[in-house]
PDB file of N, CA and C in Angstrom:
ATOM      1  N   MET A   1       9.231   8.310 -15.748  1.00  0.00           N
ATOM      2  CA  MET A   1       7.915   7.856 -16.438  1.00  0.00           C
ATOM      3  C   MET A   1       7.850   7.094 -17.629  1.00  0.00           C
ATOM      4  N   ARG A   2       7.071   6.327 -17.675  1.00  0.00           N
ATOM      5  CA  ARG A   2       6.832   5.485 -19.096  1.00  0.00           C
ATOM      6  C   ARG A   2       6.426   6.521 -20.193  1.00  0.00           C
ATOM      7  N   LEU A   3       6.750   6.178 -21.484  1.00  0.00           N
ATOM      8  CA  LEU A   3       6.242   7.042 -22.503  1.00  0.00           C
ATOM      9  C   LEU A   3       4.613   6.851 -22.746  1.00  0.00           C
ATOM     10  N   ASP A   4       4.314   5.594 -22.645  1.00  0.00           N
ATOM     11  CA  ASP A   4       2.971   5.343 -22.736  1.00  0.00           C
ATOM     12  C   ASP A   4       1.887   6.196 -21.665  1.00  0.00           C
ATOM     13  N   LEU A   5       2.402   6.221 -20.482  1.00  0.00           N
ATOM     14  CA  LEU A   5       1.882   6.821 -19.338  1.00  0.00           C
ATOM     15  C   LEU A   5       1.925   8.205 -19.380  1.00  0.00           C
ATOM     16  N   LEU A   6       2.917   8.825 -20.036  1.00  0.00           N
ATOM     17  CA  LEU A   6       3.069  10.369 -20.320  1.00  0.00           C
ATOM     18  C   LEU A   6       2.091  10.897 -21.296  1.00  0.00           C
ATOM     19  N   LEU A   7       2.186  10.171 -22.226  1.00  0.00           N
ATOM     20  CA  LEU A   7       1.264  10.590 -23.572  1.00  0.00           C
ATOM     21  C   LEU A   7      -0.378  10.496 -23.066  1.00  0.00           C
ATOM     22  N   CYS A   8      -0.567   9.663 -22.210  1.00  0.00           N
ATOM     23  CA  CYS A   8      -1.980   9.533 -21.803  1.00  0.00           C
ATOM     24  C   CYS A   8      -2.292  10.811 -20.824  1.00  0.00           C
ATOM     25  N   ARG A   9      -1.233  10.827 -19.723  1.00  0.00           N
ATOM     26  CA  ARG A   9      -1.459  11.858 -18.855  1.00  0.00           C
ATOM     27  C   ARG A   9      -1.501  13.541 -19.405  1.00  0.00           C
ATOM     28  N   LEU A  10      -0.712  13.523 -20.516  1.00  0.00           N
ATOM     29  CA  LEU A  10      -0.716  14.789 -21.257  1.00  0.00           C
ATOM     30  C   LEU A  10      -1.836  14.847 -22.275  1.00  0.00           C
ATOM     31  N   ARG A  11      -2.584  13.867 -22.419  1.00  0.00           N
ATOM     32  CA  ARG A  11      -3.840  13.762 -23.216  1.00  0.00           C
ATOM     33  C   ARG A  11      -3.562  14.046 -24.516  1.00  0.00           C
ATOM     34  N   PHE A  12      -2.424  13.311 -25.193  1.00  0.00           N
ATOM     35  CA  PHE A  12      -2.121  13.223 -26.494  1.00  0.00           C
ATOM     36  C   PHE A  12      -2.893  11.763 -27.018  1.00  0.00           C
ATOM     37  N   VAL A  13      -3.369  10.952 -26.098  1.00  0.00           N
ATOM     38  CA  VAL A  13      -4.048   9.678 -26.560  1.00  0.00           C
ATOM     39  C   VAL A  13      -5.363   9.670 -25.495  1.00  0.00           C
ATOM     40  N   LYS A  14      -6.193   8.953 -25.594  1.00  0.00           N
ATOM     41  CA  LYS A  14      -7.224   8.848 -24.597  1.00  0.00           C
ATOM     42  C   LYS A  14      -6.976   7.655 -23.541  1.00  0.00           C
ATOM     43  N   SER A  15      -6.081   6.506 -24.118  1.00  0.00           N
ATOM     44  CA  SER A  15      -5.880   5.524 -23.012  1.00  0.00           C
ATOM     45  C   SER A  15      -4.410   5.210 -23.395  1.00  0.00           C
ATOM     46  N   ARG A  16      -3.999   4.473 -22.265  1.00  0.00           N
ATOM     47  CA  ARG A  16      -2.593   3.825 -22.263  1.00  0.00           C
ATOM     48  C   ARG A  16      -2.462   2.844 -23.390  1.00  0.00           C
ATOM     49  N   SER A  17      -3.513   2.026 -23.440  1.00  0.00           N
ATOM     50  CA  SER A  17      -3.435   0.924 -24.623  1.00  0.00           C
ATOM     51  C   SER A  17      -3.305   1.624 -26.127  1.00  0.00           C
ATOM     52  N   GLN A  18      -4.050   2.749 -26.382  1.00  0.00           N
ATOM     53  CA  GLN A  18      -3.872   3.590 -27.567  1.00  0.00           C
ATOM     54  C   GLN A  18      -2.542   4.043 -27.546  1.00  0.00           C
ATOM     55  N   ALA A  19      -1.879   4.459 -26.561  1.00  0.00           N
ATOM     56  CA  ALA A  19      -0.672   5.019 -26.695  1.00  0.00           C
ATOM     57  C   ALA A  19       0.321   3.878 -27.010  1.00  0.00           C
ATOM     58  N   GLN A  20       0.240   2.739 -26.498  1.00  0.00           N
ATOM     59  CA  GLN A  20       0.998   1.566 -26.831  1.00  0.00           C
ATOM     60  C   GLN A  20       1.073   1.234 -28.193  1.00  0.00           C
ATOM     61  N   ARG A  21      -0.170   1.168 -28.858  1.00  0.00           N
ATOM     62  CA  ARG A  21      -0.287   0.939 -30.123  1.00  0.00           C
ATOM     63  C   ARG A  21       0.406   1.844 -31.243  1.00  0.00           C
ATOM     64  N   TRP A  22       0.167   3.190 -30.862  1.00  0.00           N
ATOM     65  CA  TRP A  22       0.759   4.328 -31.486  1.00  0.00           C
ATOM     66  C   TRP A  22       2.233   4.200 -31.421  1.00  0.00           C
ATOM     67  N   ILE A  23       2.689   3.818 -30.242  1.00  0.00           N
ATOM     68  CA  ILE A  23       4.242   3.865 -30.163  1.00  0.00           C
ATOM     69  C   ILE A  23       4.818   2.451 -30.837  1.00  0.00           C
ATOM     70  N   GLY A  24       4.165   1.412 -30.876  1.00  0.00           N
ATOM     71  CA  GLY A  24       4.329   0.250 -31.436  1.00  0.00           C
ATOM     72  C   GLY A  24       4.340   0.170 -32.895  1.00  0.00           C
ATOM     73  N   GLU A  25       3.809   1.335 -33.590  1.00  0.00           N
ATOM     74  CA  GLU A  25       3.678   1.450 -35.022  1.00  0.00           C
ATOM     75  C   GLU A  25       4.904   2.158 -35.487  1.00  0.00           C
ATOM     76  N   GLY A  26       5.624   2.668 -34.306  1.00  0.00           N
ATOM     77  CA  GLY A  26       6.946   3.299 -34.797  1.00  0.00           C
ATOM     78  C   GLY A  26       6.947   4.765 -35.348  1.00  0.00           C
ATOM     79  N   HIS A  27       5.697   5.382 -35.121  1.00  0.00           N
ATOM     80  CA  HIS A  27       5.639   6.973 -35.553  1.00  0.00           C
ATOM     81  C   HIS A  27       6.333   7.847 -34.624  1.00  0.00           C
ATOM     82  N   MET A  28       6.368   7.556 -33.397  1.00  0.00           N
ATOM     83  CA  MET A  28       6.908   8.261 -32.391  1.00  0.00           C
ATOM     84  C   MET A  28       8.446   8.561 -32.217  1.00  0.00           C
ATOM     85  N   ARG A  29       8.878   9.666 -31.921  1.00  0.00           N
ATOM     86  CA  ARG A  29      10.331   9.965 -31.822  1.00  0.00           C
ATOM     87  C   ARG A  29      10.637  10.633 -30.614  1.00  0.00           C
ATOM     88  N   LEU A  30      11.727  10.233 -29.802  1.00  0.00           N
ATOM     89  CA  LEU A  30      12.185  10.701 -28.513  1.00  0.00           C
ATOM     90  C   LEU A  30      13.308  11.261 -28.680  1.00  0.00           C
ATOM     91  N   ASN A  31      13.742  12.367 -28.469  1.00  0.00           N
ATOM     92  CA  ASN A  31      15.056  12.957 -28.758  1.00  0.00           C
ATOM     93  C   ASN A  31      15.676  12.721 -29.923  1.00  0.00           C
ATOM     94  N   GLY A  32      14.809  12.537 -30.951  1.00  0.00           N
ATOM     95  CA  GLY A  32      15.243  12.453 -32.368  1.00  0.00           C
ATOM     96  C   GLY A  32      15.355  10.875 -32.761  1.00  0.00           C
ATOM     97  N   GLN A  33      15.374  10.056 -31.695  1.00  0.00           N
ATOM     98  CA  GLN A  33      15.456   8.478 -32.059  1.00  0.00           C
ATOM     99  C   GLN A  33      14.049   7.954 -31.932  1.00  0.00           C
ATOM    100  N   ARG A  34      13.953   7.056 -32.890  1.00  0.00           N
ATOM    101  CA  ARG A  34      12.648   6.339 -32.819  1.00  0.00           C
ATOM    102  C   ARG A  34      12.346   5.439 -31.577  1.00  0.00           C
ATOM    103  N   ALA A  35      11.304   5.796 -30.972  1.00  0.00           N
ATOM    104  CA  ALA A  35      10.787   5.092 -29.784  1.00  0.00           C
ATOM    105  C   ALA A  35      10.014   3.883 -30.229  1.00  0.00           C
ATOM    106  N   LEU A  36      10.190   2.615 -29.914  1.00  0.00           N
ATOM    107  CA  LEU A  36       9.756   1.505 -30.279  1.00  0.00           C
ATOM    108  C   LEU A  36       8.837   0.765 -29.245  1.00  0.00           C
ATOM    109  N   ARG A  37       9.296   1.266 -27.963  1.00  0.00           N
ATOM    110  CA  ARG A  37       8.849   0.630 -26.661  1.00  0.00           C
ATOM    111  C   ARG A  37       8.179   1.464 -25.822  1.00  0.00           C
ATOM    112  N   ALA A  38       6.938   1.091 -25.318  1.00  0.00           N
ATOM    113  CA  ALA A  38       6.310   2.008 -24.367  1.00  0.00           C
ATOM    114  C   ALA A  38       6.755   2.447 -23.044  1.00  0.00           C
ATOM    115  N   ASP A  39       7.912   1.500 -22.741  1.00  0.00           N
ATOM    116  CA  ASP A  39       8.328   1.581 -21.435  1.00  0.00           C
ATOM    117  C   ASP A  39       9.538   2.508 -21.391  1.00  0.00           C
ATOM    118  N   CYS A  40       9.862   3.077 -22.546  1.00  0.00           N
ATOM    119  CA  CYS A  40      10.907   4.181 -22.755  1.00  0.00           C
ATOM    120  C   CYS A  40      10.800   5.215 -21.511  1.00  0.00           C
ATOM    121  N   ALA A  41      12.028   5.432 -20.841  1.00  0.00           N
ATOM    122  CA  ALA A  41      11.887   6.396 -19.771  1.00  0.00           C
ATOM    123  C   ALA A  41      12.048   7.712 -20.220  1.00  0.00           C
ATOM    124  N   ILE A  42      11.032   8.700 -19.744  1.00  0.00           N
ATOM    125  CA  ILE A  42      10.877   9.931 -20.202  1.00  0.00           C
ATOM    126  C   ILE A  42      11.295  10.902 -19.063  1.00  0.00           C
ATOM    127  N   LYS A  43      11.857  12.104 -19.099  1.00  0.00           N
ATOM    128  CA  LYS A  43      12.429  12.889 -18.140  1.00  0.00           C
ATOM    129  C   LYS A  43      12.192  14.256 -18.538  1.00  0.00           C
ATOM    130  N   ALA A  44      12.042  15.344 -17.648  1.00  0.00           N
ATOM    131  CA  ALA A  44      11.818  16.621 -18.031  1.00  0.00           C
ATOM    132  C   ALA A  44      13.192  17.015 -18.930  1.00  0.00           C
ATOM    133  N   GLY A  45      12.650  17.916 -20.103  1.00  0.00           N
ATOM    134  CA  GLY A  45      13.865  18.334 -20.876  1.00  0.00           C
ATOM    135  C   GLY A  45      13.824  17.550 -22.100  1.00  0.00           C
ATOM    136  N   ASP A  46      13.134  16.274 -22.278  1.00  0.00           N
ATOM    137  CA  ASP A  46      13.112  15.370 -23.496  1.00  0.00           C
ATOM    138  C   ASP A  46      12.381  16.063 -24.516  1.00  0.00           C
ATOM    139  N   VAL A  47      12.546  15.827 -25.807  1.00  0.00           N
ATOM    140  CA  VAL A  47      11.784  16.155 -26.824  1.00  0.00           C
ATOM    141  C   VAL A  47      10.996  15.201 -27.615  1.00  0.00           C
ATOM    142  N   LEU A  48       9.775  15.434 -27.765  1.00  0.00           N
ATOM    143  CA  LEU A  48       8.929  14.393 -28.278  1.00  0.00           C
ATOM    144  C   LEU A  48       8.366  14.797 -29.636  1.00  0.00           C
ATOM    145  N   THR A  49       8.522  13.876 -30.718  1.00  0.00           N
ATOM    146  CA  THR A  49       7.997  14.201 -32.102  1.00  0.00           C
ATOM    147  C   THR A  49       6.762  13.259 -32.425  1.00  0.00           C
ATOM    148  N   LEU A  50       5.510  13.907 -32.585  1.00  0.00           N
ATOM    149  CA  LEU A  50       4.255  13.043 -32.523  1.00  0.00           C
ATOM    150  C   LEU A  50       3.740  13.337 -33.896  1.00  0.00           C
ATOM    151  N   PRO A  51       3.154  12.171 -34.406  1.00  0.00           N
ATOM    152  CA  PRO A  51       2.295  12.512 -35.516  1.00  0.00           C
ATOM    153  C   PRO A  51       1.016  12.798 -35.198  1.00  0.00           C
ATOM    154  N   VAL A  52       0.237  13.633 -35.830  1.00  0.00           N
ATOM    155  CA  VAL A  52      -1.063  14.272 -35.123  1.00  0.00           C
ATOM    156  C   VAL A  52      -1.835  14.265 -36.517  1.00  0.00           C
ATOM    157  N   GLY A  53      -2.733  13.506 -37.055  1.00  0.00           N
ATOM    158  CA  GLY A  53      -3.347  13.523 -38.442  1.00  0.00           C
ATOM    159  C   GLY A  53      -2.287  13.424 -39.388  1.00  0.00           C
ATOM    160  N   HIS A  54      -2.121  14.454 -40.301  1.00  0.00           N
ATOM    161  CA  HIS A  54      -1.244  14.607 -41.454  1.00  0.00           C
ATOM    162  C   HIS A  54      -0.262  15.553 -40.964  1.00  0.00           C
ATOM    163  N   ALA A  55      -0.233  16.171 -39.723  1.00  0.00           N
ATOM    164  CA  ALA A  55       0.930  16.770 -39.350  1.00  0.00           C
ATOM    165  C   ALA A  55       1.695  16.418 -38.510  1.00  0.00           C
ATOM    166  N   VAL A  56       2.675  17.130 -37.970  1.00  0.00           N
ATOM    167  CA  VAL A  56       3.672  16.657 -36.850  1.00  0.00           C
ATOM    168  C   VAL A  56       3.957  17.892 -35.760  1.00  0.00           C
ATOM    169  N   ARG A  57       3.895  17.306 -34.701  1.00  0.00           N
ATOM    170  CA  ARG A  57       3.941  18.071 -33.534  1.00  0.00           C
ATOM    171  C   ARG A  57       5.318  17.615 -32.881  1.00  0.00           C
ATOM    172  N   VAL A  58       6.032  18.881 -32.518  1.00  0.00           N
ATOM    173  CA  VAL A  58       7.417  18.646 -31.750  1.00  0.00           C
ATOM    174  C   VAL A  58       7.311  19.413 -30.446  1.00  0.00           C
ATOM    175  N   VAL A  59       7.438  18.527 -29.431  1.00  0.00           N
ATOM    176  CA  VAL A  59       7.140  19.191 -28.123  1.00  0.00           C
ATOM    177  C   VAL A  59       8.174  19.030 -27.137  1.00  0.00           C
ATOM    178  N   ALA A  60       8.492  19.859 -26.260  1.00  0.00           N
ATOM    179  CA  ALA A  60       9.234  19.617 -25.112  1.00  0.00           C
ATOM    180  C   ALA A  60       8.787  19.335 -23.864  1.00  0.00           C
ATOM    181  N   ILE A  61       9.074  18.529 -23.077  1.00  0.00           N
ATOM    182  CA  ILE A  61       8.534  18.165 -21.823  1.00  0.00           C
ATOM    183  C   ILE A  61       9.333  18.959 -20.875  1.00  0.00           C
ATOM    184  N   ASP A  62       8.448  19.880 -20.128  1.00  0.00           N
ATOM    185  CA  ASP A  62       9.101  20.740 -19.030  1.00  0.00           C
ATOM    186  C   ASP A  62       8.999  20.067 -17.775  1.00  0.00           C
ATOM    187  N   ALA A  63       7.858  19.471 -17.391  1.00  0.00           N
ATOM    188  CA  ALA A  63       7.529  18.480 -16.278  1.00  0.00           C
ATOM    189  C   ALA A  63       6.901  17.497 -16.346  1.00  0.00           C
ATOM    190  N   LEU A  64       7.188  16.479 -15.395  1.00  0.00           N
ATOM    191  CA  LEU A  64       6.257  15.006 -15.581  1.00  0.00           C
ATOM    192  C   LEU A  64       4.900  15.375 -14.846  1.00  0.00           C
ATOM    193  N   PRO A  65       3.742  15.094 -15.390  1.00  0.00           N
ATOM    194  CA  PRO A  65       2.634  15.336 -14.695  1.00  0.00           C
ATOM    195  C   PRO A  65       2.471  14.163 -13.692  1.00  0.00           C
ATOM    196  N   GLU A  66       1.666  14.389 -12.562  1.00  0.00           N
ATOM    197  CA  GLU A  66       1.487  13.492 -11.609  1.00  0.00           C
ATOM    198  C   GLU A  66      -0.012  12.633 -11.789  1.00  0.00           C
ATOM    199  N   ARG A  67      -0.628  13.255 -12.720  1.00  0.00           N
ATOM    200  CA  ARG A  67      -2.294  12.585 -12.709  1.00  0.00           C
ATOM    201  C   ARG A  67      -2.495  13.212 -14.188  1.00  0.00           C
ATOM    202  N   ARG A  68      -3.613  12.487 -14.862  1.00  0.00           N
ATOM    203  CA  ARG A  68      -4.138  12.948 -15.863  1.00  0.00           C
ATOM    204  C   ARG A  68      -5.328  13.941 -15.519  1.00  0.00           C
ATOM    205  N   GLY A  69      -4.898  15.075 -15.689  1.00  0.00           N
ATOM    206  CA  GLY A  69      -5.976  16.253 -15.190  1.00  0.00           C
ATOM    207  C   GLY A  69      -6.489  16.852 -16.494  1.00  0.00           C
ATOM    208  N   PRO A  70      -7.080  18.017 -16.210  1.00  0.00           N
ATOM    209  CA  PRO A  70      -8.195  18.603 -17.337  1.00  0.00           C
ATOM    210  C   PRO A  70      -6.793  19.139 -18.411  1.00  0.00           C
ATOM    211  N   PRO A  71      -7.346  19.614 -19.556  1.00  0.00           N
ATOM    212  CA  PRO A  71      -6.331  19.753 -20.667  1.00  0.00           C
ATOM    213  C   PRO A  71      -5.417  20.953 -20.345  1.00  0.00           C
ATOM    214  N   ALA A  72      -5.961  22.079 -19.727  1.00  0.00           N
ATOM    215  CA  ALA A  72      -5.082  23.130 -19.334  1.00  0.00           C
ATOM    216  C   ALA A  72      -4.025  22.676 -18.483  1.00  0.00           C
ATOM    217  N   GLU A  73      -4.261  21.919 -17.427  1.00  0.00           N
ATOM    218  CA  GLU A  73      -3.248  21.457 -16.600  1.00  0.00           C
ATOM    219  C   GLU A  73      -2.195  20.605 -17.374  1.00  0.00           C
ATOM    220  N   ALA A  74      -2.684  19.780 -18.320  1.00  0.00           N
ATOM    221  CA  ALA A  74      -1.682  18.991 -19.114  1.00  0.00           C
ATOM    222  C   ALA A  74      -0.834  19.759 -20.025  1.00  0.00           C
ATOM    223  N   ARG A  75      -1.402  20.914 -20.627  1.00  0.00           N
ATOM    224  CA  ARG A  75      -0.689  21.652 -21.435  1.00  0.00           C
ATOM    225  C   ARG A  75       0.360  22.490 -20.711  1.00  0.00           C
ATOM    226  N   ALA A  76       0.277  22.533 -19.360  1.00  0.00           N
ATOM    227  CA  ALA A  76       1.579  23.388 -18.620  1.00  0.00           C
ATOM    228  C   ALA A  76       2.632  22.503 -18.453  1.00  0.00           C
ATOM    229  N   HIS A  77       2.610  21.164 -18.807  1.00  0.00           N
ATOM    230  CA  HIS A  77       3.765  20.263 -18.749  1.00  0.00           C
ATOM    231  C   HIS A  77       4.599  20.315 -19.856  1.00  0.00           C
ATOM    232  N   TYR A  78       4.300  20.949 -20.903  1.00  0.00           N
ATOM    233  CA  TYR A  78       5.026  20.730 -22.252  1.00  0.00           C
ATOM    234  C   TYR A  78       4.816  22.128 -22.841  1.00  0.00           C
ATOM    235  N   ARG A  79       5.907  22.322 -23.969  1.00  0.00           N
ATOM    236  CA  ARG A  79       5.479  23.563 -24.886  1.00  0.00           C
ATOM    237  C   ARG A  79       6.051  23.212 -26.231  1.00  0.00           C
ATOM    238  N   GLU A  80       5.161  23.688 -27.219  1.00  0.00           N
ATOM    239  CA  GLU A  80       5.342  23.316 -28.618  1.00  0.00           C
ATOM    240  C   GLU A  80       6.658  24.068 -28.989  1.00  0.00           C
ATOM    241  N   LEU A  81       7.600  23.488 -29.694  1.00  0.00           N
ATOM    242  CA  LEU A  81       8.993  23.819 -30.231  1.00  0.00           C
ATOM    243  C   LEU A  81       8.818  24.498 -31.641  1.00  0.00           C
ATOM    244  N   ASP A  82       7.788  24.359 -32.295  1.00  0.00           N
ATOM    245  CA  ASP A  82       7.456  25.013 -33.531  1.00  0.00           C
ATOM    246  C   ASP A  82       6.058  25.617 -33.464  1.00  0.00           C
ATOM    247  N   ALA A  83       6.129  26.956 -33.568  1.00  0.00           N
ATOM    248  CA  ALA A  83       4.859  27.743 -33.374  1.00  0.00           C
ATOM    249  C   ALA A  83       4.098  27.856 -34.533  1.00  0.00           C
ATOM    250  N   ARG A  84       4.775  27.597 -35.541  1.00  0.00           N
ATOM    251  CA  ARG A  84       4.108  27.736 -37.042  1.00  0.00           C
ATOM    252  C   ARG A  84       3.101  26.582 -37.269  1.00  0.00           C
ATOM    253  N   ASN A  85       2.129  26.569 -38.189  1.00  0.00           N
ATOM    254  CA  ASN A  85       1.301  25.664 -38.504  1.00  0.00           C
ATOM    255  C   ASN A  85       2.022  24.320 -38.620  1.00  0.00           C
ATOM    256  N   PRO A  86       1.983  23.311 -37.923  1.00  0.00           N
ATOM    257  CA  PRO A  86       2.657  21.815 -38.100  1.00  0.00           C
ATOM    258  C   PRO A  86       2.486  21.291 -39.579  1.00  0.00           C
ATOM    259  N   ALA A  87       1.520  21.862 -40.114  1.00  0.00           N
ATOM    260  CA  ALA A  87       1.325  21.205 -41.492  1.00  0.00           C
ATOM    261  C   ALA A  87       2.170  21.880 -42.631  1.00  0.00           C
ATOM    262  N   ALA A  88       2.636  22.929 -42.181  1.00  0.00           N
ATOM    263  CA  ALA A  88       3.465  23.759 -43.150  1.00  0.00           C
ATOM    264  C   ALA A  88       5.024  23.567 -43.183  1.00  0.00           C
ATOM    265  N   ILE A  89       5.295  22.671 -42.173  1.00  0.00           N
ATOM    266  CA  ILE A  89       6.734  22.319 -41.823  1.00  0.00           C
ATOM    267  C   ILE A  89       7.378  21.785 -43.178  1.00  0.00           C
ATOM    268  N   ALA A  90       6.748  20.908 -43.657  1.00  0.00           N
ATOM    269  CA  ALA A  90       7.488  20.206 -44.687  1.00  0.00           C
ATOM    270  C   ALA A  90       7.428  21.100 -46.066  1.00  0.00           C
ATOM    271  N   GLY A  91       6.791  22.150 -46.131  1.00  0.00           N
ATOM    272  CA  GLY A  91       6.591  22.779 -47.182  1.00  0.00           C
ATOM    273  C   GLY A  91       7.057  24.259 -46.990  1.00  0.00           C
ATOM    274  N   ALA A  92       7.807  24.496 -46.001  1.00  0.00           N
ATOM    275  CA  ALA A  92       8.523  25.840 -45.507  1.00  0.00           C
ATOM    276  C   ALA A  92       9.677  26.139 -46.652  1.00  0.00           C
ATOM    277  N   SER A  93       9.619  27.411 -46.854  1.00  0.00           N
ATOM    278  CA  SER A  93      10.647  27.796 -48.113  1.00  0.00           C
ATOM    279  C   SER A  93      12.113  27.564 -47.667  1.00  0.00           C
ATOM    280  N   GLU A  94      12.353  27.679 -46.340  1.00  0.00           N
ATOM    281  CA  GLU A  94      13.604  27.462 -45.809  1.00  0.00           C
ATOM    282  C   GLU A  94      14.276  26.309 -46.142  1.00  0.00           C
ATOM    283  N   THR A  95      13.257  25.216 -46.036  1.00  0.00           N
ATOM    284  CA  THR A  95      13.800  23.691 -46.329  1.00  0.00           C
ATOM    285  C   THR A  95      13.855  23.472 -47.754  1.00  0.00           C
ATOM    286  N   ARG A  96      13.683  24.425 -48.707  1.00  0.00           N
ATOM    287  CA  ARG A  96      13.952  24.113 -50.190  1.00  0.00           C
ATOM    288  C   ARG A  96      15.145  24.690 -50.469  1.00  0.00           C
ATOM    289  N   GLY A  97      15.820  24.033 -51.592  1.00  0.00           N
ATOM    290  CA  GLY A  97      16.957  24.622 -52.184  1.00  0.00           C
ATOM    291  C   GLY A  97      16.725  25.775 -53.059  1.00  0.00           C
ATOM    292  N   PRO A  98      17.901  26.394 -53.398  1.00  0.00           N
ATOM    293  CA  PRO A  98      17.762  27.691 -54.245  1.00  0.00           C
ATOM    294  C   PRO A  98      16.911  27.395 -55.533  1.00  0.00           C
ATOM    295  N   ALA A  99      16.230  28.228 -55.858  1.00  0.00           N
ATOM    296  CA  ALA A  99      15.302  28.375 -56.958  1.00  0.00           C
ATOM    297  C   ALA A  99      16.120  28.217 -58.366  1.00  0.00           C
ATOM    298  N   THR A 100      15.830  27.247 -59.377  1.00  0.00           N
ATOM    299  CA  THR A 100      16.574  27.179 -60.419  1.00  0.00           C
ATOM    300  C   THR A 100      15.750  27.775 -61.791  1.00  0.00           C
ATOM    301  N   PRO A 101      16.373  28.421 -62.483  1.00  0.00           N
ATOM    302  CA  PRO A 101      15.660  28.909 -63.548  1.00  0.00           C
ATOM    303  C   PRO A 101      15.349  27.936 -64.646  1.00  0.00           C
TER     304      PRO A 101
END
């Protein structure tokens, strides 16, 4: 399945053209690699890193949706990999080095 179609069906964007613009801007990562093309092939087990406002969401694709259904149906096809507040990821204490006096 194409990346732009997946983003639309999982309701991360409202339309495929919006997904194509988002991907073209270079903000999307697929399995840790920058995805610059909307026609990247996506399969179950892939990991997407998405910018959402000033935060970052990391999701694993569990299954490919057949259609753009209601939000509850869309959420059943992926899972969040970081349950913490996404905005707190960059400021998490374990990412900082040891404190210096």
